[in-house]
Amino acid sequence: MTTKDNVYDEPSEVNAVDGFVEVDGPDAVDVTLTVEAAEETSERLLSQAFNARGQRRLKRYPHRPERD
């Protein structure tokens, strides 16, 4: 279970502006990233989204390993 106060179900707005990537999201998220930072962030987001989806699917099965 998440320890965060808010969980959002709408994706952030993302735009390329003058060679940078601007991200506007819920809860006043407003950040400008370099191309390199945006690429790495997108890879990390996708990787963890896959992990979270797997966790959600396996949540109801008793055979899942315990975390330390």
PDB file of N, CA and C in Angstrom:
ATOM      1  N   MET A   1       0.835  -1.180   0.000  1.00  0.00           N
ATOM      2  CA  MET A   1       0.000   0.000   0.000  1.00  0.00           C
ATOM      3  C   MET A   1       0.882   1.247   0.000  1.00  0.00           C
ATOM      4  N   THR A   2       0.472   2.244  -0.683  1.00  0.00           N
ATOM      5  CA  THR A   2       1.258   3.462  -0.792  1.00  0.00           C
ATOM      6  C   THR A   2       1.177   4.300   0.481  1.00  0.00           C
ATOM      7  N   THR A   3       2.264   5.001   0.779  1.00  0.00           N
ATOM      8  CA  THR A   3       2.272   5.891   1.938  1.00  0.00           C
ATOM      9  C   THR A   3       2.037   7.337   1.524  1.00  0.00           C
ATOM     10  N   LYS A   4       1.839   7.572   0.249  1.00  0.00           N
ATOM     11  CA  LYS A   4       1.597   8.922  -0.258  1.00  0.00           C
ATOM     12  C   LYS A   4       0.183   9.361   0.100  1.00  0.00           C
ATOM     13  N   ASP A   5       0.022  10.664   0.336  1.00  0.00           N
ATOM     14  CA  ASP A   5      -1.287  11.195   0.690  1.00  0.00           C
ATOM     15  C   ASP A   5      -2.274  11.168  -0.468  1.00  0.00           C
ATOM     16  N   ASN A   6      -1.780  11.435  -1.684  1.00  0.00           N
ATOM     17  CA  ASN A   6      -2.666  11.515  -2.848  1.00  0.00           C
ATOM     18  C   ASN A   6      -2.172  10.600  -3.959  1.00  0.00           C
ATOM     19  N   VAL A   7      -3.091   9.915  -4.571  1.00  0.00           N
ATOM     20  CA  VAL A   7      -2.793   9.096  -5.733  1.00  0.00           C
ATOM     21  C   VAL A   7      -3.673   9.608  -6.866  1.00  0.00           C
ATOM     22  N   TYR A   8      -3.073   9.945  -7.994  1.00  0.00           N
ATOM     23  CA  TYR A   8      -3.799  10.556  -9.105  1.00  0.00           C
ATOM     24  C   TYR A   8      -4.039   9.553 -10.216  1.00  0.00           C
ATOM     25  N   ASP A   9      -5.167   9.680 -10.892  1.00  0.00           N
ATOM     26  CA  ASP A   9      -5.501   8.768 -11.982  1.00  0.00           C
ATOM     27  C   ASP A   9      -5.483   9.454 -13.343  1.00  0.00           C
ATOM     28  N   GLU A  10      -4.969  10.672 -13.403  1.00  0.00           N
ATOM     29  CA  GLU A  10      -4.857  11.372 -14.674  1.00  0.00           C
ATOM     30  C   GLU A  10      -3.386  11.619 -14.988  1.00  0.00           C
ATOM     31  N   PRO A  11      -2.972  11.390 -16.226  1.00  0.00           N
ATOM     32  CA  PRO A  11      -1.569  11.597 -16.592  1.00  0.00           C
ATOM     33  C   PRO A  11      -1.217  13.079 -16.655  1.00  0.00           C
ATOM     34  N   SER A  12       0.057  13.357 -16.557  1.00  0.00           N
ATOM     35  CA  SER A  12       0.558  14.725 -16.663  1.00  0.00           C
ATOM     36  C   SER A  12       0.577  15.170 -18.115  1.00  0.00           C
ATOM     37  N   GLU A  13       0.523  16.483 -18.319  1.00  0.00           N
ATOM     38  CA  GLU A  13       0.705  17.066 -19.645  1.00  0.00           C
ATOM     39  C   GLU A  13       2.210  17.209 -19.883  1.00  0.00           C
ATOM     40  N   VAL A  14       2.662  16.852 -21.070  1.00  0.00           N
ATOM     41  CA  VAL A  14       4.087  16.914 -21.390  1.00  0.00           C
ATOM     42  C   VAL A  14       4.247  17.588 -22.742  1.00  0.00           C
ATOM     43  N   ASN A  15       5.143  18.600 -22.800  1.00  0.00           N
ATOM     44  CA  ASN A  15       5.368  19.341 -24.039  1.00  0.00           C
ATOM     45  C   ASN A  15       6.847  19.645 -24.233  1.00  0.00           C
ATOM     46  N   ALA A  16       7.284  19.625 -25.491  1.00  0.00           N
ATOM     47  CA  ALA A  16       8.632  20.062 -25.850  1.00  0.00           C
ATOM     48  C   ALA A  16       8.570  21.556 -26.139  1.00  0.00           C
ATOM     49  N   VAL A  17       9.407  22.333 -25.428  1.00  0.00           N
ATOM     50  CA  VAL A  17       9.406  23.783 -25.575  1.00  0.00           C
ATOM     51  C   VAL A  17      10.856  24.274 -25.608  1.00  0.00           C
ATOM     52  N   ASP A  18      11.267  24.840 -26.721  1.00  0.00           N
ATOM     53  CA  ASP A  18      12.605  25.419 -26.853  1.00  0.00           C
ATOM     54  C   ASP A  18      13.726  24.462 -26.476  1.00  0.00           C
ATOM     55  N   GLY A  19      13.594  23.194 -26.830  1.00  0.00           N
ATOM     56  CA  GLY A  19      14.643  22.216 -26.572  1.00  0.00           C
ATOM     57  C   GLY A  19      14.626  21.606 -25.183  1.00  0.00           C
ATOM     58  N   PHE A  20      13.597  21.873 -24.416  1.00  0.00           N
ATOM     59  CA  PHE A  20      13.419  21.283 -23.093  1.00  0.00           C
ATOM     60  C   PHE A  20      12.070  20.575 -23.056  1.00  0.00           C
ATOM     61  N   VAL A  21      11.835  19.820 -21.997  1.00  0.00           N
ATOM     62  CA  VAL A  21      10.572  19.116 -21.834  1.00  0.00           C
ATOM     63  C   VAL A  21       9.881  19.659 -20.593  1.00  0.00           C
ATOM     64  N   GLU A  22       8.678  20.177 -20.776  1.00  0.00           N
ATOM     65  CA  GLU A  22       7.889  20.714 -19.670  1.00  0.00           C
ATOM     66  C   GLU A  22       6.833  19.698 -19.259  1.00  0.00           C
ATOM     67  N   VAL A  23       6.727  19.489 -17.953  1.00  0.00           N
ATOM     68  CA  VAL A  23       5.747  18.558 -17.397  1.00  0.00           C
ATOM     69  C   VAL A  23       4.843  19.340 -16.450  1.00  0.00           C
ATOM     70  N   ASP A  24       3.547  19.297 -16.712  1.00  0.00           N
ATOM     71  CA  ASP A  24       2.542  19.908 -15.844  1.00  0.00           C
ATOM     72  C   ASP A  24       1.598  18.809 -15.402  1.00  0.00           C
ATOM     73  N   GLY A  25       1.478  18.661 -14.099  1.00  0.00           N
ATOM     74  CA  GLY A  25       0.641  17.581 -13.602  1.00  0.00           C
ATOM     75  C   GLY A  25      -0.201  18.005 -12.426  1.00  0.00           C
ATOM     76  N   PRO A  26      -0.854  17.032 -11.815  1.00  0.00           N
ATOM     77  CA  PRO A  26      -1.708  17.315 -10.668  1.00  0.00           C
ATOM     78  C   PRO A  26      -0.874  17.772  -9.469  1.00  0.00           C
ATOM     79  N   ASP A  27      -1.544  18.390  -8.526  1.00  0.00           N
ATOM     80  CA  ASP A  27      -0.928  18.833  -7.277  1.00  0.00           C
ATOM     81  C   ASP A  27       0.209  19.822  -7.524  1.00  0.00           C
ATOM     82  N   ALA A  28       0.017  20.702  -8.508  1.00  0.00           N
ATOM     83  CA  ALA A  28       0.951  21.785  -8.834  1.00  0.00           C
ATOM     84  C   ALA A  28       2.305  21.308  -9.340  1.00  0.00           C
ATOM     85  N   VAL A  29       2.358  20.117  -9.924  1.00  0.00           N
ATOM     86  CA  VAL A  29       3.608  19.666 -10.549  1.00  0.00           C
ATOM     87  C   VAL A  29       3.859  20.548 -11.760  1.00  0.00           C
ATOM     88  N   ASP A  30       5.024  21.169 -11.792  1.00  0.00           N
ATOM     89  CA  ASP A  30       5.400  22.042 -12.896  1.00  0.00           C
ATOM     90  C   ASP A  30       6.920  22.017 -12.968  1.00  0.00           C
ATOM     91  N   VAL A  31       7.456  21.216 -13.877  1.00  0.00           N
ATOM     92  CA  VAL A  31       8.898  21.021 -13.937  1.00  0.00           C
ATOM     93  C   VAL A  31       9.361  21.078 -15.389  1.00  0.00           C
ATOM     94  N   THR A  32      10.566  21.613 -15.591  1.00  0.00           N
ATOM     95  CA  THR A  32      11.185  21.640 -16.907  1.00  0.00           C
ATOM     96  C   THR A  32      12.442  20.787 -16.834  1.00  0.00           C
ATOM     97  N   LEU A  33      12.566  19.846 -17.769  1.00  0.00           N
ATOM     98  CA  LEU A  33      13.683  18.898 -17.788  1.00  0.00           C
ATOM     99  C   LEU A  33      14.512  19.056 -19.051  1.00  0.00           C
ATOM    100  N   THR A  34      15.795  18.728 -18.950  1.00  0.00           N
ATOM    101  CA  THR A  34      16.607  18.613 -20.162  1.00  0.00           C
ATOM    102  C   THR A  34      16.119  17.386 -20.918  1.00  0.00           C
ATOM    103  N   VAL A  35      16.504  17.289 -22.158  1.00  0.00           N
ATOM    104  CA  VAL A  35      16.132  16.117 -22.966  1.00  0.00           C
ATOM    105  C   VAL A  35      16.629  14.842 -22.300  1.00  0.00           C
ATOM    106  N   GLU A  36      17.872  14.869 -21.829  1.00  0.00           N
ATOM    107  CA  GLU A  36      18.460  13.681 -21.206  1.00  0.00           C
ATOM    108  C   GLU A  36      17.722  13.281 -19.935  1.00  0.00           C
ATOM    109  N   ALA A  37      17.388  14.256 -19.110  1.00  0.00           N
ATOM    110  CA  ALA A  37      16.655  13.964 -17.872  1.00  0.00           C
ATOM    111  C   ALA A  37      15.252  13.439 -18.188  1.00  0.00           C
ATOM    112  N   ALA A  38      14.619  13.995 -19.202  1.00  0.00           N
ATOM    113  CA  ALA A  38      13.280  13.540 -19.588  1.00  0.00           C
ATOM    114  C   ALA A  38      13.324  12.105 -20.102  1.00  0.00           C
ATOM    115  N   GLU A  39      14.345  11.773 -20.902  1.00  0.00           N
ATOM    116  CA  GLU A  39      14.467  10.408 -21.418  1.00  0.00           C
ATOM    117  C   GLU A  39      14.668   9.413 -20.279  1.00  0.00           C
ATOM    118  N   GLU A  40      15.563   9.722 -19.352  1.00  0.00           N
ATOM    119  CA  GLU A  40      15.818   8.821 -18.221  1.00  0.00           C
ATOM    120  C   GLU A  40      14.582   8.695 -17.331  1.00  0.00           C
ATOM    121  N   THR A  41      13.914   9.805 -17.088  1.00  0.00           N
ATOM    122  CA  THR A  41      12.690   9.780 -16.275  1.00  0.00           C
ATOM    123  C   THR A  41      11.622   8.919 -16.937  1.00  0.00           C
ATOM    124  N   SER A  42      11.479   9.050 -18.252  1.00  0.00           N
ATOM    125  CA  SER A  42      10.459   8.256 -18.946  1.00  0.00           C
ATOM    126  C   SER A  42      10.768   6.765 -18.853  1.00  0.00           C
ATOM    127  N   GLU A  43      12.047   6.396 -18.938  1.00  0.00           N
ATOM    128  CA  GLU A  43      12.423   4.984 -18.812  1.00  0.00           C
ATOM    129  C   GLU A  43      12.139   4.472 -17.404  1.00  0.00           C
ATOM    130  N   ARG A  44      12.455   5.286 -16.411  1.00  0.00           N
ATOM    131  CA  ARG A  44      12.191   4.890 -15.021  1.00  0.00           C
ATOM    132  C   ARG A  44      10.698   4.767 -14.748  1.00  0.00           C
ATOM    133  N   LEU A  45       9.914   5.715 -15.250  1.00  0.00           N
ATOM    134  CA  LEU A  45       8.462   5.649 -15.076  1.00  0.00           C
ATOM    135  C   LEU A  45       7.880   4.392 -15.708  1.00  0.00           C
ATOM    136  N   LEU A  46       8.294   4.090 -16.930  1.00  0.00           N
ATOM    137  CA  LEU A  46       7.765   2.920 -17.619  1.00  0.00           C
ATOM    138  C   LEU A  46       8.154   1.630 -16.900  1.00  0.00           C
ATOM    139  N   SER A  47       9.401   1.555 -16.466  1.00  0.00           N
ATOM    140  CA  SER A  47       9.863   0.368 -15.746  1.00  0.00           C
ATOM    141  C   SER A  47       9.059   0.150 -14.460  1.00  0.00           C
ATOM    142  N   GLN A  48       8.869   1.206 -13.700  1.00  0.00           N
ATOM    143  CA  GLN A  48       8.136   1.071 -12.445  1.00  0.00           C
ATOM    144  C   GLN A  48       6.643   0.893 -12.662  1.00  0.00           C
ATOM    145  N   ALA A  49       6.113   1.407 -13.758  1.00  0.00           N
ATOM    146  CA  ALA A  49       4.706   1.159 -14.093  1.00  0.00           C
ATOM    147  C   ALA A  49       4.498  -0.327 -14.375  1.00  0.00           C
ATOM    148  N   PHE A  50       5.444  -0.956 -15.083  1.00  0.00           N
ATOM    149  CA  PHE A  50       5.361  -2.402 -15.329  1.00  0.00           C
ATOM    150  C   PHE A  50       5.420  -3.165 -14.006  1.00  0.00           C
ATOM    151  N   ASN A  51       6.323  -2.764 -13.110  1.00  0.00           N
ATOM    152  CA  ASN A  51       6.416  -3.419 -11.803  1.00  0.00           C
ATOM    153  C   ASN A  51       5.117  -3.275 -11.020  1.00  0.00           C
ATOM    154  N   ALA A  52       4.556  -2.078 -11.006  1.00  0.00           N
ATOM    155  CA  ALA A  52       3.317  -1.836 -10.269  1.00  0.00           C
ATOM    156  C   ALA A  52       2.158  -2.646 -10.839  1.00  0.00           C
ATOM    157  N   ARG A  53       2.087  -2.742 -12.170  1.00  0.00           N
ATOM    158  CA  ARG A  53       1.025  -3.543 -12.784  1.00  0.00           C
ATOM    159  C   ARG A  53       1.153  -5.007 -12.369  1.00  0.00           C
ATOM    160  N   GLY A  54       2.384  -5.509 -12.346  1.00  0.00           N
ATOM    161  CA  GLY A  54       2.608  -6.883 -11.902  1.00  0.00           C
ATOM    162  C   GLY A  54       2.218  -7.076 -10.451  1.00  0.00           C
ATOM    163  N   GLN A  55       2.564  -6.109  -9.608  1.00  0.00           N
ATOM    164  CA  GLN A  55       2.178  -6.179  -8.196  1.00  0.00           C
ATOM    165  C   GLN A  55       0.666  -6.217  -8.054  1.00  0.00           C
ATOM    166  N   ARG A  56      -0.020  -5.396  -8.819  1.00  0.00           N
ATOM    167  CA  ARG A  56      -1.483  -5.351  -8.759  1.00  0.00           C
ATOM    168  C   ARG A  56      -2.072  -6.690  -9.167  1.00  0.00           C
ATOM    169  N   ARG A  57      -1.517  -7.294 -10.237  1.00  0.00           N
ATOM    170  CA  ARG A  57      -2.052  -8.576 -10.712  1.00  0.00           C
ATOM    171  C   ARG A  57      -1.790  -9.710  -9.733  1.00  0.00           C
ATOM    172  N   LEU A  58      -0.621  -9.697  -9.080  1.00  0.00           N
ATOM    173  CA  LEU A  58      -0.258 -10.794  -8.180  1.00  0.00           C
ATOM    174  C   LEU A  58      -0.724 -10.585  -6.742  1.00  0.00           C
ATOM    175  N   LYS A  59      -1.310  -9.463  -6.454  1.00  0.00           N
ATOM    176  CA  LYS A  59      -1.696  -9.098  -5.087  1.00  0.00           C
ATOM    177  C   LYS A  59      -2.598 -10.132  -4.419  1.00  0.00           C
ATOM    178  N   ARG A  60      -3.491 -10.712  -5.175  1.00  0.00           N
ATOM    179  CA  ARG A  60      -4.464 -11.643  -4.570  1.00  0.00           C
ATOM    180  C   ARG A  60      -3.971 -13.090  -4.501  1.00  0.00           C
ATOM    181  N   TYR A  61      -2.745 -13.353  -4.966  1.00  0.00           N
ATOM    182  CA  TYR A  61      -2.225 -14.713  -4.955  1.00  0.00           C
ATOM    183  C   TYR A  61      -1.308 -14.924  -3.758  1.00  0.00           C
ATOM    184  N   PRO A  62      -1.524 -16.002  -2.995  1.00  0.00           N
ATOM    185  CA  PRO A  62      -0.757 -16.223  -1.768  1.00  0.00           C
ATOM    186  C   PRO A  62       0.705 -16.612  -1.996  1.00  0.00           C
ATOM    187  N   HIS A  63       1.091 -16.956  -3.194  1.00  0.00           N
ATOM    188  CA  HIS A  63       2.456 -17.436  -3.447  1.00  0.00           C
ATOM    189  C   HIS A  63       3.478 -16.329  -3.660  1.00  0.00           C
ATOM    190  N   ARG A  64       3.054 -15.081  -3.633  1.00  0.00           N
ATOM    191  CA  ARG A  64       4.004 -13.991  -3.889  1.00  0.00           C
ATOM    192  C   ARG A  64       5.036 -13.920  -2.763  1.00  0.00           C
ATOM    193  N   PRO A  65       6.297 -13.611  -3.102  1.00  0.00           N
ATOM    194  CA  PRO A  65       7.345 -13.561  -2.080  1.00  0.00           C
ATOM    195  C   PRO A  65       7.169 -12.384  -1.123  1.00  0.00           C
ATOM    196  N   GLU A  66       7.585 -12.585   0.110  1.00  0.00           N
ATOM    197  CA  GLU A  66       7.533 -11.522   1.106  1.00  0.00           C
ATOM    198  C   GLU A  66       8.728 -10.607   0.923  1.00  0.00           C
ATOM    199  N   ARG A  67       8.530  -9.319   1.150  1.00  0.00           N
ATOM    200  CA  ARG A  67       9.611  -8.330   1.081  1.00  0.00           C
ATOM    201  C   ARG A  67      10.219  -8.157   2.467  1.00  0.00           C
ATOM    202  N   ASP A  68      11.536  -7.951   2.508  1.00  0.00           N
ATOM    203  CA  ASP A  68      12.205  -7.706   3.801  1.00  0.00           C
ATOM    204  C   ASP A  68      11.990  -6.308   4.272  1.00  0.00           C
TER     205      ASP A  68
END
